[in-house]
């Protein structure tokens, strides 16, 4: 299940900050930095023990931020994300059981793919917005264009993540099959730990500027 409203939100913001955060105490300053920087959207990954608490705090206190959960590898992760208030889920790979459970629970879900077979498995289950991960290590733009050849007519779109930076962002956005990108550089674990909120604001603004130039309204 991929809610049109949530997918429209992701495509609107184009750059989705992918965030690993160690402490729930940093949740609101982080959310405020993203909002101030013009990217009121986040994928909080289940790579840390604080993920569910962070999602819960942001969902309650900053509802204007489009909040998702990433690195959903298990049904427990999925349940925790839903209970915490995540509005969408993302996984690095395609686990049919997790995707089916997300559909059953009504959580818009973006599974990860790299190969044609994975694309077909996702399409067979109704998922047309797919994370392409790890993007640069898996062929980057050339691979996305290759996949778009036989599958573009299905409406499939990709969210390349992993190795996308300000240096190559515009190149990725020039590819019609790319709906949006995931960016770990926007709010790195180190920047959050160092409480470098102003730097995160500037990273957001820089990304928004690149998006505006690459995809003018």
N, C-alpha and C. Protein backbone atom coordinates (compact mmCIF):
# COMPACT_ATOMS: atom_id res chain seq x y z
N UNK A 1 0.86 -1.20 0.00
CA UNK A 1 0.00 0.00 0.00
C UNK A 1 0.88 1.24 0.00
N UNK A 2 0.62 2.13 -0.92
CA UNK A 2 1.39 3.37 -0.97
C UNK A 2 0.41 4.54 -1.11
N UNK A 3 0.12 5.18 0.01
CA UNK A 3 -0.84 6.27 0.06
C UNK A 3 -0.44 7.41 -0.89
N UNK A 4 -1.38 7.83 -1.71
CA UNK A 4 -1.11 8.90 -2.66
C UNK A 4 -0.68 10.17 -1.94
N UNK A 5 -1.29 10.45 -0.80
CA UNK A 5 -0.98 11.68 -0.06
C UNK A 5 0.46 11.67 0.44
N UNK A 6 0.86 10.56 1.04
CA UNK A 6 2.22 10.47 1.57
C UNK A 6 3.24 10.49 0.44
N UNK A 7 2.96 9.76 -0.62
CA UNK A 7 3.90 9.74 -1.74
C UNK A 7 4.01 11.12 -2.38
N UNK A 8 2.90 11.82 -2.45
CA UNK A 8 2.93 13.18 -3.00
C UNK A 8 3.80 14.09 -2.13
N UNK A 9 3.74 13.88 -0.82
CA UNK A 9 4.55 14.68 0.09
C UNK A 9 6.04 14.41 -0.13
N UNK A 10 6.40 13.15 -0.27
CA UNK A 10 7.81 12.80 -0.50
C UNK A 10 8.29 13.40 -1.82
N UNK A 11 7.48 13.28 -2.84
CA UNK A 11 7.87 13.80 -4.15
C UNK A 11 7.93 15.32 -4.14
N UNK A 12 7.11 15.94 -3.32
CA UNK A 12 7.11 17.41 -3.22
C UNK A 12 8.42 17.92 -2.64
N UNK A 13 8.90 17.27 -1.59
CA UNK A 13 10.11 17.75 -0.93
C UNK A 13 11.39 17.29 -1.63
N UNK A 14 11.30 16.22 -2.40
CA UNK A 14 12.36 15.73 -3.28
C UNK A 14 13.56 15.14 -2.51
N UNK A 15 14.06 15.87 -1.54
CA UNK A 15 15.18 15.34 -0.73
C UNK A 15 14.62 14.90 0.62
N UNK A 16 14.81 13.63 0.94
CA UNK A 16 14.31 13.07 2.20
C UNK A 16 15.50 12.84 3.13
N UNK A 17 15.65 13.63 4.18
CA UNK A 17 16.75 13.40 5.12
C UNK A 17 16.63 12.02 5.76
N UNK A 18 17.67 11.23 5.65
CA UNK A 18 17.72 9.89 6.25
C UNK A 18 18.58 9.99 7.49
N UNK A 19 17.99 9.71 8.65
CA UNK A 19 18.61 10.11 9.91
C UNK A 19 18.73 8.97 10.91
N UNK A 20 19.92 8.81 11.46
CA UNK A 20 20.18 7.91 12.59
C UNK A 20 20.46 8.80 13.79
N UNK A 21 19.63 8.71 14.80
CA UNK A 21 19.74 9.61 15.94
C UNK A 21 19.79 8.78 17.23
N UNK A 22 20.72 9.12 18.09
CA UNK A 22 21.01 8.31 19.27
C UNK A 22 20.19 8.68 20.50
N UNK A 23 19.67 9.89 20.56
CA UNK A 23 18.99 10.35 21.77
C UNK A 23 17.67 11.06 21.45
N UNK A 24 16.62 10.67 22.16
CA UNK A 24 15.32 11.32 21.97
C UNK A 24 15.35 12.78 22.40
N UNK A 25 16.34 13.14 23.21
CA UNK A 25 16.46 14.54 23.64
C UNK A 25 16.77 15.46 22.47
N UNK A 26 17.33 14.90 21.41
CA UNK A 26 17.68 15.70 20.24
C UNK A 26 16.56 15.73 19.20
N UNK A 27 15.46 15.05 19.48
CA UNK A 27 14.40 14.91 18.47
C UNK A 27 13.82 16.25 18.04
N UNK A 28 13.42 17.07 18.99
CA UNK A 28 12.76 18.33 18.64
C UNK A 28 13.70 19.36 18.04
N UNK A 29 14.93 19.52 18.59
CA UNK A 29 15.87 20.44 17.92
C UNK A 29 16.16 20.01 16.48
N UNK A 30 16.22 18.70 16.26
CA UNK A 30 16.44 18.20 14.90
C UNK A 30 15.26 18.56 14.01
N UNK A 31 14.05 18.27 14.50
CA UNK A 31 12.85 18.58 13.71
C UNK A 31 12.78 20.07 13.40
N UNK A 32 13.09 20.90 14.37
CA UNK A 32 13.04 22.35 14.17
C UNK A 32 14.06 22.80 13.13
N UNK A 33 15.23 22.16 13.12
CA UNK A 33 16.26 22.52 12.13
C UNK A 33 15.80 22.15 10.72
N UNK A 34 15.18 20.98 10.58
CA UNK A 34 14.68 20.56 9.27
C UNK A 34 13.58 21.50 8.77
N UNK A 35 12.69 21.85 9.68
CA UNK A 35 11.59 22.75 9.32
C UNK A 35 12.12 24.13 8.93
N UNK A 36 13.03 24.65 9.74
CA UNK A 36 13.61 25.97 9.45
C UNK A 36 14.37 25.98 8.14
N UNK A 37 15.00 24.85 7.83
CA UNK A 37 15.78 24.77 6.59
C UNK A 37 14.95 24.53 5.35
N UNK A 38 13.65 24.32 5.52
CA UNK A 38 12.78 24.14 4.36
C UNK A 38 12.58 22.71 3.92
N UNK A 39 12.99 21.75 4.77
CA UNK A 39 12.77 20.33 4.46
C UNK A 39 12.01 19.68 5.62
N UNK A 40 10.71 19.94 5.73
CA UNK A 40 9.93 19.39 6.83
C UNK A 40 9.54 17.94 6.60
N UNK A 41 10.55 17.09 6.45
CA UNK A 41 10.33 15.67 6.18
C UNK A 41 11.54 14.91 6.73
N UNK A 42 11.33 13.69 7.19
CA UNK A 42 12.46 12.92 7.72
C UNK A 42 12.15 11.43 7.71
N UNK A 43 13.18 10.66 7.48
CA UNK A 43 13.13 9.21 7.65
C UNK A 43 14.04 8.88 8.84
N UNK A 44 13.44 8.56 9.97
CA UNK A 44 14.20 8.19 11.16
C UNK A 44 14.46 6.69 11.12
N UNK A 45 15.72 6.31 11.04
CA UNK A 45 16.05 4.91 10.83
C UNK A 45 16.11 4.12 12.14
N UNK A 46 15.71 2.87 12.03
CA UNK A 46 15.79 1.96 13.17
C UNK A 46 17.20 1.36 13.26
N UNK A 47 18.19 2.22 13.12
CA UNK A 47 19.58 1.80 13.32
C UNK A 47 20.03 2.10 14.74
N UNK A 48 19.18 2.79 15.48
CA UNK A 48 19.52 3.12 16.87
C UNK A 48 18.36 2.73 17.78
N UNK A 49 18.67 2.55 19.06
CA UNK A 49 17.65 2.17 20.03
C UNK A 49 16.66 3.29 20.30
N UNK A 50 17.04 4.53 19.94
CA UNK A 50 16.19 5.68 20.24
C UNK A 50 15.14 5.94 19.16
N UNK A 51 15.16 5.19 18.06
CA UNK A 51 14.33 5.51 16.90
C UNK A 51 12.85 5.68 17.24
N UNK A 52 12.27 4.71 17.92
CA UNK A 52 10.83 4.77 18.20
C UNK A 52 10.49 5.97 19.08
N UNK A 53 11.32 6.24 20.08
CA UNK A 53 11.08 7.38 20.97
C UNK A 53 11.20 8.70 20.22
N UNK A 54 12.15 8.77 19.30
CA UNK A 54 12.33 9.98 18.49
C UNK A 54 11.11 10.21 17.61
N UNK A 55 10.66 9.16 16.94
CA UNK A 55 9.49 9.27 16.07
C UNK A 55 8.27 9.71 16.87
N UNK A 56 8.09 9.09 18.03
CA UNK A 56 6.94 9.42 18.88
C UNK A 56 6.95 10.88 19.30
N UNK A 57 8.11 11.37 19.69
CA UNK A 57 8.20 12.75 20.18
C UNK A 57 7.95 13.75 19.05
N UNK A 58 8.54 13.50 17.89
CA UNK A 58 8.33 14.41 16.77
C UNK A 58 6.89 14.36 16.28
N UNK A 59 6.33 13.15 16.21
CA UNK A 59 4.95 13.01 15.73
C UNK A 59 3.99 13.79 16.61
N UNK A 60 4.22 13.80 17.89
CA UNK A 60 3.33 14.49 18.83
C UNK A 60 3.57 15.99 18.87
N UNK A 61 4.84 16.39 18.82
CA UNK A 61 5.17 17.80 19.04
C UNK A 61 5.37 18.60 17.76
N UNK A 62 5.67 17.94 16.66
CA UNK A 62 5.89 18.63 15.40
C UNK A 62 5.12 17.92 14.29
N UNK A 63 3.79 17.91 14.39
CA UNK A 63 2.98 17.16 13.43
C UNK A 63 3.08 17.68 12.00
N UNK A 64 3.58 18.90 11.82
CA UNK A 64 3.71 19.45 10.47
C UNK A 64 4.86 18.80 9.70
N UNK A 65 5.70 18.04 10.37
CA UNK A 65 6.81 17.37 9.71
C UNK A 65 6.35 16.01 9.20
N UNK A 66 6.56 15.74 7.92
CA UNK A 66 6.19 14.45 7.33
C UNK A 66 7.20 13.40 7.79
N UNK A 67 6.76 12.55 8.68
CA UNK A 67 7.69 11.70 9.42
C UNK A 67 7.56 10.23 9.03
N UNK A 68 8.68 9.64 8.66
CA UNK A 68 8.70 8.23 8.32
C UNK A 68 9.72 7.47 9.14
N UNK A 69 9.65 6.15 9.04
CA UNK A 69 10.60 5.27 9.72
C UNK A 69 11.37 4.48 8.69
N UNK A 70 12.68 4.41 8.88
CA UNK A 70 13.52 3.69 7.94
C UNK A 70 14.20 2.48 8.57
N UNK A 71 14.88 1.72 7.71
CA UNK A 71 15.57 0.49 8.13
C UNK A 71 14.60 -0.43 8.87
N UNK A 72 13.41 -0.58 8.32
CA UNK A 72 12.43 -1.51 8.89
C UNK A 72 12.75 -2.91 8.37
N UNK A 73 13.32 -3.69 9.25
CA UNK A 73 13.80 -5.02 8.87
C UNK A 73 12.94 -6.15 9.42
N UNK A 74 12.15 -5.86 10.45
CA UNK A 74 11.36 -6.89 11.11
C UNK A 74 9.93 -6.40 11.34
N UNK A 75 9.05 -7.32 11.66
CA UNK A 75 7.67 -6.95 11.98
C UNK A 75 7.63 -6.15 13.28
N UNK A 76 8.57 -6.40 14.17
CA UNK A 76 8.65 -5.62 15.40
C UNK A 76 9.00 -4.16 15.09
N UNK A 77 9.96 -3.96 14.17
CA UNK A 77 10.28 -2.60 13.73
C UNK A 77 9.05 -1.91 13.16
N UNK A 78 8.32 -2.66 12.33
CA UNK A 78 7.14 -2.11 11.68
C UNK A 78 6.09 -1.71 12.71
N UNK A 79 5.84 -2.59 13.66
CA UNK A 79 4.84 -2.30 14.69
C UNK A 79 5.26 -1.10 15.52
N UNK A 80 6.55 -1.03 15.86
CA UNK A 80 7.05 0.10 16.66
C UNK A 80 6.91 1.41 15.90
N UNK A 81 7.18 1.37 14.60
CA UNK A 81 7.06 2.58 13.77
C UNK A 81 5.62 3.07 13.73
N UNK A 82 4.69 2.15 13.54
CA UNK A 82 3.28 2.51 13.48
C UNK A 82 2.80 3.05 14.83
N UNK A 83 3.16 2.35 15.89
CA UNK A 83 2.74 2.76 17.23
C UNK A 83 3.29 4.14 17.59
N UNK A 84 4.49 4.45 17.07
CA UNK A 84 5.13 5.73 17.39
C UNK A 84 4.55 6.89 16.58
N UNK A 85 3.85 6.58 15.50
CA UNK A 85 3.23 7.64 14.71
C UNK A 85 3.87 7.91 13.36
N UNK A 86 4.69 6.99 12.87
CA UNK A 86 5.29 7.17 11.55
C UNK A 86 4.20 7.16 10.48
N UNK A 87 4.37 8.01 9.49
CA UNK A 87 3.38 8.12 8.40
C UNK A 87 3.76 7.32 7.16
N UNK A 88 5.01 6.86 7.11
CA UNK A 88 5.44 5.98 6.04
C UNK A 88 6.63 5.17 6.53
N UNK A 89 6.90 4.07 5.83
CA UNK A 89 8.02 3.21 6.20
C UNK A 89 8.93 2.97 5.01
N UNK A 90 10.20 2.72 5.30
CA UNK A 90 11.19 2.49 4.26
C UNK A 90 12.08 1.33 4.68
N UNK A 91 12.49 0.51 3.73
CA UNK A 91 13.41 -0.59 4.02
C UNK A 91 14.55 -0.57 3.01
N UNK A 92 15.72 -1.05 3.40
CA UNK A 92 16.84 -1.09 2.46
C UNK A 92 16.70 -2.19 1.41
N UNK A 93 15.87 -3.19 1.71
CA UNK A 93 15.66 -4.30 0.79
C UNK A 93 14.20 -4.63 0.64
N UNK A 94 13.93 -5.69 -0.12
CA UNK A 94 12.55 -6.11 -0.38
C UNK A 94 12.29 -7.42 0.34
N UNK A 95 11.59 -7.33 1.47
CA UNK A 95 11.17 -8.51 2.22
C UNK A 95 9.66 -8.64 2.00
N UNK A 96 9.23 -9.64 1.23
CA UNK A 96 7.80 -9.76 0.92
C UNK A 96 6.92 -9.83 2.16
N UNK A 97 7.39 -10.47 3.22
CA UNK A 97 6.59 -10.58 4.45
C UNK A 97 6.39 -9.21 5.10
N UNK A 98 7.46 -8.41 5.14
CA UNK A 98 7.36 -7.08 5.74
C UNK A 98 6.47 -6.17 4.89
N UNK A 99 6.63 -6.25 3.58
CA UNK A 99 5.80 -5.44 2.69
C UNK A 99 4.33 -5.82 2.85
N UNK A 100 4.04 -7.11 2.93
CA UNK A 100 2.66 -7.57 3.10
C UNK A 100 2.09 -7.11 4.43
N UNK A 101 2.91 -7.14 5.47
CA UNK A 101 2.46 -6.70 6.79
C UNK A 101 2.19 -5.20 6.79
N UNK A 102 3.04 -4.44 6.10
CA UNK A 102 2.82 -3.00 6.00
C UNK A 102 1.49 -2.71 5.30
N UNK A 103 1.21 -3.45 4.25
CA UNK A 103 -0.06 -3.30 3.53
C UNK A 103 -1.22 -3.63 4.47
N UNK A 104 -1.08 -4.73 5.20
CA UNK A 104 -2.14 -5.15 6.13
C UNK A 104 -2.39 -4.11 7.20
N UNK A 105 -1.29 -3.49 7.68
CA UNK A 105 -1.42 -2.50 8.75
C UNK A 105 -1.74 -1.09 8.22
N UNK A 106 -1.74 -0.92 6.91
CA UNK A 106 -2.10 0.36 6.33
C UNK A 106 -1.00 1.40 6.35
N UNK A 107 0.26 0.96 6.42
CA UNK A 107 1.37 1.92 6.41
C UNK A 107 1.97 2.02 5.02
N UNK A 108 1.94 3.18 4.39
CA UNK A 108 2.60 3.35 3.10
C UNK A 108 4.06 2.94 3.23
N UNK A 109 4.53 2.10 2.31
CA UNK A 109 5.84 1.48 2.49
C UNK A 109 6.65 1.55 1.21
N UNK A 110 7.94 1.89 1.36
CA UNK A 110 8.86 2.00 0.23
C UNK A 110 9.96 0.95 0.40
N UNK A 111 9.84 -0.18 -0.28
CA UNK A 111 10.87 -1.22 -0.17
C UNK A 111 12.09 -0.90 -1.01
N UNK A 112 13.21 -1.51 -0.68
CA UNK A 112 14.44 -1.29 -1.43
C UNK A 112 14.65 -2.32 -2.51
N UNK A 113 15.20 -1.87 -3.63
CA UNK A 113 15.49 -2.77 -4.75
C UNK A 113 16.82 -2.40 -5.39
N UNK A 114 17.38 -3.37 -6.10
CA UNK A 114 18.58 -3.13 -6.90
C UNK A 114 18.45 -3.81 -8.26
N UNK A 115 17.76 -4.95 -8.28
CA UNK A 115 17.71 -5.78 -9.49
C UNK A 115 16.35 -5.77 -10.17
N UNK A 116 16.30 -6.19 -11.44
CA UNK A 116 15.02 -6.31 -12.14
C UNK A 116 14.05 -7.25 -11.41
N UNK A 117 14.55 -8.36 -10.89
CA UNK A 117 13.68 -9.30 -10.19
C UNK A 117 13.03 -8.66 -8.98
N UNK A 118 13.78 -7.83 -8.25
CA UNK A 118 13.22 -7.16 -7.09
C UNK A 118 12.18 -6.13 -7.49
N UNK A 119 12.44 -5.44 -8.60
CA UNK A 119 11.46 -4.48 -9.11
C UNK A 119 10.15 -5.20 -9.42
N UNK A 120 10.25 -6.34 -10.06
CA UNK A 120 9.04 -7.08 -10.42
C UNK A 120 8.30 -7.59 -9.19
N UNK A 121 9.04 -8.03 -8.17
CA UNK A 121 8.39 -8.47 -6.94
C UNK A 121 7.64 -7.31 -6.28
N UNK A 122 8.26 -6.15 -6.29
CA UNK A 122 7.62 -4.98 -5.69
C UNK A 122 6.36 -4.59 -6.47
N UNK A 123 6.47 -4.55 -7.79
CA UNK A 123 5.32 -4.19 -8.62
C UNK A 123 4.18 -5.18 -8.43
N UNK A 124 4.50 -6.46 -8.29
CA UNK A 124 3.48 -7.48 -8.11
C UNK A 124 2.71 -7.29 -6.81
N UNK A 125 3.32 -6.54 -5.88
CA UNK A 125 2.69 -6.30 -4.59
C UNK A 125 2.15 -4.88 -4.47
N UNK A 126 2.10 -4.19 -5.59
CA UNK A 126 1.48 -2.88 -5.61
C UNK A 126 2.37 -1.71 -5.24
N UNK A 127 3.67 -1.94 -5.12
CA UNK A 127 4.60 -0.86 -4.76
C UNK A 127 5.25 -0.31 -6.02
N UNK A 128 5.06 0.98 -6.26
CA UNK A 128 5.64 1.60 -7.45
C UNK A 128 6.67 2.67 -7.11
N UNK A 129 6.77 3.06 -5.83
CA UNK A 129 7.84 3.95 -5.40
C UNK A 129 8.83 3.09 -4.64
N UNK A 130 10.04 2.96 -5.19
CA UNK A 130 11.01 2.00 -4.67
C UNK A 130 12.33 2.68 -4.32
N UNK A 131 12.85 2.34 -3.17
CA UNK A 131 14.17 2.82 -2.77
C UNK A 131 15.22 2.08 -3.60
N UNK A 132 16.14 2.81 -4.20
CA UNK A 132 17.25 2.19 -4.92
C UNK A 132 18.47 2.32 -4.04
N UNK A 133 18.86 1.20 -3.43
CA UNK A 133 19.90 1.23 -2.40
C UNK A 133 20.77 -0.02 -2.47
N UNK A 134 22.09 0.15 -2.29
CA UNK A 134 22.85 1.40 -2.16
C UNK A 134 23.11 2.00 -3.54
N UNK A 135 22.69 3.21 -3.74
CA UNK A 135 22.62 3.79 -5.08
C UNK A 135 23.96 3.83 -5.81
N UNK A 136 24.91 4.55 -5.28
CA UNK A 136 26.18 4.71 -5.99
C UNK A 136 26.91 3.38 -6.13
N UNK A 137 26.89 2.56 -5.11
CA UNK A 137 27.59 1.27 -5.15
C UNK A 137 26.94 0.29 -6.12
N UNK A 138 25.68 0.55 -6.48
CA UNK A 138 24.94 -0.37 -7.35
C UNK A 138 24.80 0.13 -8.78
N UNK A 139 25.60 1.11 -9.15
CA UNK A 139 25.57 1.60 -10.52
C UNK A 139 24.99 2.98 -10.69
N UNK A 140 24.42 3.53 -9.62
CA UNK A 140 23.97 4.92 -9.64
C UNK A 140 23.00 5.25 -10.75
N UNK A 141 23.23 6.39 -11.37
CA UNK A 141 22.32 6.91 -12.39
C UNK A 141 22.21 5.96 -13.58
N UNK A 142 23.33 5.37 -14.00
CA UNK A 142 23.30 4.47 -15.15
C UNK A 142 22.40 3.27 -14.90
N UNK A 143 22.44 2.73 -13.68
CA UNK A 143 21.61 1.57 -13.35
C UNK A 143 20.14 1.96 -13.28
N UNK A 144 19.85 3.12 -12.71
CA UNK A 144 18.45 3.57 -12.64
C UNK A 144 17.88 3.74 -14.05
N UNK A 145 18.66 4.33 -14.93
CA UNK A 145 18.20 4.50 -16.32
C UNK A 145 17.98 3.14 -16.98
N UNK A 146 18.85 2.19 -16.69
CA UNK A 146 18.71 0.85 -17.26
C UNK A 146 17.43 0.18 -16.76
N UNK A 147 17.14 0.32 -15.48
CA UNK A 147 15.92 -0.27 -14.92
C UNK A 147 14.66 0.42 -15.47
N UNK A 148 14.77 1.72 -15.69
CA UNK A 148 13.61 2.47 -16.18
C UNK A 148 13.23 2.05 -17.60
N UNK A 149 14.20 1.49 -18.33
CA UNK A 149 13.92 1.06 -19.70
C UNK A 149 12.74 0.10 -19.79
N UNK A 150 12.86 -1.09 -19.18
CA UNK A 150 11.77 -2.06 -19.27
C UNK A 150 10.61 -1.82 -18.30
N UNK A 151 10.82 -0.98 -17.28
CA UNK A 151 9.78 -0.83 -16.25
C UNK A 151 9.14 0.56 -16.18
N UNK A 152 9.66 1.50 -16.94
CA UNK A 152 9.14 2.86 -16.86
C UNK A 152 7.65 2.96 -17.14
N UNK A 153 7.16 2.15 -18.06
CA UNK A 153 5.75 2.23 -18.44
C UNK A 153 4.82 1.77 -17.33
N UNK A 154 5.36 1.11 -16.30
CA UNK A 154 4.54 0.63 -15.18
C UNK A 154 4.24 1.75 -14.18
N UNK A 155 4.95 2.87 -14.34
CA UNK A 155 4.79 3.97 -13.39
C UNK A 155 5.77 3.92 -12.24
N UNK A 156 6.69 2.96 -12.28
CA UNK A 156 7.66 2.82 -11.19
C UNK A 156 8.58 4.04 -11.13
N UNK A 157 8.85 4.49 -9.90
CA UNK A 157 9.78 5.58 -9.66
C UNK A 157 10.75 5.16 -8.56
N UNK A 158 11.93 5.76 -8.56
CA UNK A 158 12.97 5.35 -7.63
C UNK A 158 13.36 6.47 -6.67
N UNK A 159 13.80 6.03 -5.50
CA UNK A 159 14.33 6.93 -4.48
C UNK A 159 15.78 6.50 -4.20
N UNK A 160 16.73 6.96 -5.01
CA UNK A 160 18.12 6.57 -4.79
C UNK A 160 18.63 7.09 -3.45
N UNK A 161 19.28 6.21 -2.73
CA UNK A 161 19.83 6.53 -1.41
C UNK A 161 21.14 5.78 -1.25
N UNK A 162 22.12 6.47 -0.68
CA UNK A 162 23.43 5.85 -0.49
C UNK A 162 24.42 6.40 -1.50
N UNK A 163 25.18 7.39 -1.07
CA UNK A 163 26.15 8.01 -1.97
C UNK A 163 25.63 9.23 -2.69
N UNK A 164 24.38 9.60 -2.45
CA UNK A 164 23.84 10.83 -3.02
C UNK A 164 24.29 11.99 -2.14
N UNK A 165 24.84 13.01 -2.76
CA UNK A 165 25.36 14.17 -2.04
C UNK A 165 25.01 15.45 -2.80
N UNK A 166 25.41 16.58 -2.25
CA UNK A 166 25.18 17.84 -2.97
C UNK A 166 25.94 17.86 -4.29
N UNK A 167 27.01 17.08 -4.38
CA UNK A 167 27.83 17.08 -5.60
C UNK A 167 27.13 16.40 -6.77
N UNK A 168 26.30 15.39 -6.50
CA UNK A 168 25.65 14.68 -7.60
C UNK A 168 24.12 14.76 -7.56
N UNK A 169 23.59 15.52 -6.61
CA UNK A 169 22.14 15.61 -6.45
C UNK A 169 21.44 16.06 -7.72
N UNK A 170 21.94 17.11 -8.34
CA UNK A 170 21.30 17.64 -9.54
C UNK A 170 21.30 16.60 -10.67
N UNK A 171 22.36 15.81 -10.76
CA UNK A 171 22.42 14.77 -11.80
C UNK A 171 21.35 13.71 -11.58
N UNK A 172 21.16 13.32 -10.33
CA UNK A 172 20.11 12.34 -10.03
C UNK A 172 18.73 12.92 -10.35
N UNK A 173 18.53 14.18 -10.00
CA UNK A 173 17.21 14.79 -10.20
C UNK A 173 16.89 15.01 -11.67
N UNK A 174 17.91 14.95 -12.52
CA UNK A 174 17.68 15.11 -13.95
C UNK A 174 17.12 13.84 -14.59
N UNK A 175 17.11 12.75 -13.83
CA UNK A 175 16.62 11.47 -14.35
C UNK A 175 15.11 11.38 -14.10
N UNK A 176 14.30 11.26 -15.15
CA UNK A 176 12.84 11.24 -14.97
C UNK A 176 12.34 10.13 -14.04
N UNK A 177 13.04 9.01 -13.98
CA UNK A 177 12.61 7.89 -13.14
C UNK A 177 12.87 8.12 -11.66
N UNK A 178 13.59 9.18 -11.33
CA UNK A 178 13.88 9.50 -9.93
C UNK A 178 12.79 10.42 -9.39
N UNK A 179 12.05 9.91 -8.40
CA UNK A 179 10.99 10.71 -7.78
C UNK A 179 11.55 11.65 -6.74
N UNK A 180 12.44 11.13 -5.93
CA UNK A 180 13.08 11.89 -4.86
C UNK A 180 14.33 11.11 -4.44
N UNK A 181 15.11 11.67 -3.55
CA UNK A 181 16.33 11.00 -3.11
C UNK A 181 16.37 10.97 -1.59
N UNK A 182 17.10 9.99 -1.06
CA UNK A 182 17.35 9.93 0.37
C UNK A 182 18.73 10.48 0.65
N UNK A 183 18.83 11.35 1.64
CA UNK A 183 20.12 11.99 1.90
C UNK A 183 20.56 11.89 3.34
N UNK A 184 21.63 11.14 3.58
CA UNK A 184 22.16 11.04 4.94
C UNK A 184 23.03 12.24 5.28
N UNK A 185 23.43 13.00 4.27
CA UNK A 185 24.32 14.14 4.52
C UNK A 185 23.60 15.32 5.17
N UNK A 186 22.29 15.37 5.05
CA UNK A 186 21.54 16.51 5.57
C UNK A 186 21.72 16.66 7.08
N UNK A 187 21.59 15.53 7.79
CA UNK A 187 21.70 15.56 9.26
C UNK A 187 22.43 14.30 9.70
N UNK A 188 23.76 14.35 9.63
CA UNK A 188 24.55 13.17 9.98
C UNK A 188 24.49 12.90 11.48
N UNK A 189 24.81 11.67 11.82
CA UNK A 189 24.82 11.29 13.23
C UNK A 189 25.80 12.17 14.02
N UNK A 190 26.91 12.52 13.39
CA UNK A 190 27.92 13.35 14.05
C UNK A 190 27.41 14.77 14.27
N UNK A 191 26.71 15.31 13.27
CA UNK A 191 26.17 16.67 13.40
C UNK A 191 25.12 16.73 14.51
N UNK A 192 24.29 15.70 14.59
CA UNK A 192 23.26 15.66 15.63
C UNK A 192 23.90 15.52 17.00
N UNK A 193 24.87 14.62 17.11
CA UNK A 193 25.54 14.42 18.40
C UNK A 193 26.23 15.70 18.86
N UNK A 194 26.76 16.46 17.89
CA UNK A 194 27.43 17.72 18.21
C UNK A 194 26.49 18.90 18.32
N UNK A 195 25.19 18.62 18.17
CA UNK A 195 24.14 19.65 18.24
C UNK A 195 24.42 20.81 17.28
N UNK A 196 24.84 20.46 16.09
CA UNK A 196 25.15 21.46 15.07
C UNK A 196 23.90 21.78 14.27
N UNK A 197 22.92 22.34 14.96
CA UNK A 197 21.62 22.58 14.33
C UNK A 197 21.70 23.59 13.20
N UNK A 198 22.51 24.61 13.36
CA UNK A 198 22.61 25.63 12.30
C UNK A 198 23.22 25.03 11.03
N UNK A 199 24.14 24.08 11.20
CA UNK A 199 24.74 23.42 10.03
C UNK A 199 23.70 22.57 9.31
N UNK A 200 22.82 21.93 10.08
CA UNK A 200 21.75 21.13 9.48
C UNK A 200 20.78 22.03 8.74
N UNK A 201 20.46 23.17 9.31
CA UNK A 201 19.60 24.15 8.62
C UNK A 201 20.22 24.53 7.28
N UNK A 202 21.52 24.82 7.29
CA UNK A 202 22.19 25.23 6.05
C UNK A 202 22.24 24.10 5.03
N UNK A 203 22.42 22.86 5.50
CA UNK A 203 22.41 21.71 4.59
C UNK A 203 21.05 21.59 3.91
N UNK A 204 19.99 21.80 4.68
CA UNK A 204 18.64 21.77 4.12
C UNK A 204 18.48 22.85 3.06
N UNK A 205 18.88 24.05 3.39
CA UNK A 205 18.71 25.18 2.46
C UNK A 205 19.51 24.96 1.17
N UNK A 206 20.70 24.40 1.31
CA UNK A 206 21.52 24.13 0.13
C UNK A 206 20.84 23.10 -0.77
N UNK A 207 20.26 22.07 -0.15
CA UNK A 207 19.56 21.03 -0.92
C UNK A 207 18.33 21.61 -1.61
N UNK A 208 17.58 22.42 -0.89
CA UNK A 208 16.38 23.04 -1.45
C UNK A 208 16.76 23.92 -2.65
N UNK A 209 17.87 24.61 -2.56
CA UNK A 209 18.32 25.46 -3.66
C UNK A 209 18.65 24.63 -4.90
N UNK A 210 19.32 23.51 -4.69
CA UNK A 210 19.66 22.63 -5.81
C UNK A 210 18.39 22.07 -6.45
N UNK A 211 17.44 21.67 -5.60
CA UNK A 211 16.16 21.14 -6.11
C UNK A 211 15.45 22.19 -6.95
N UNK A 212 15.42 23.44 -6.46
CA UNK A 212 14.73 24.51 -7.17
C UNK A 212 15.32 24.74 -8.56
N UNK A 213 16.64 24.61 -8.66
CA UNK A 213 17.31 24.81 -9.94
C UNK A 213 17.11 23.60 -10.87
N UNK A 214 17.13 22.40 -10.27
CA UNK A 214 17.03 21.18 -11.09
C UNK A 214 15.61 20.89 -11.52
N UNK A 215 14.67 21.25 -10.67
CA UNK A 215 13.26 20.97 -10.96
C UNK A 215 12.41 22.21 -10.68
N UNK A 216 12.53 23.21 -11.51
CA UNK A 216 11.76 24.44 -11.28
C UNK A 216 10.26 24.17 -11.36
N UNK A 217 9.52 24.86 -10.52
CA UNK A 217 8.06 24.66 -10.47
C UNK A 217 7.42 25.14 -11.77
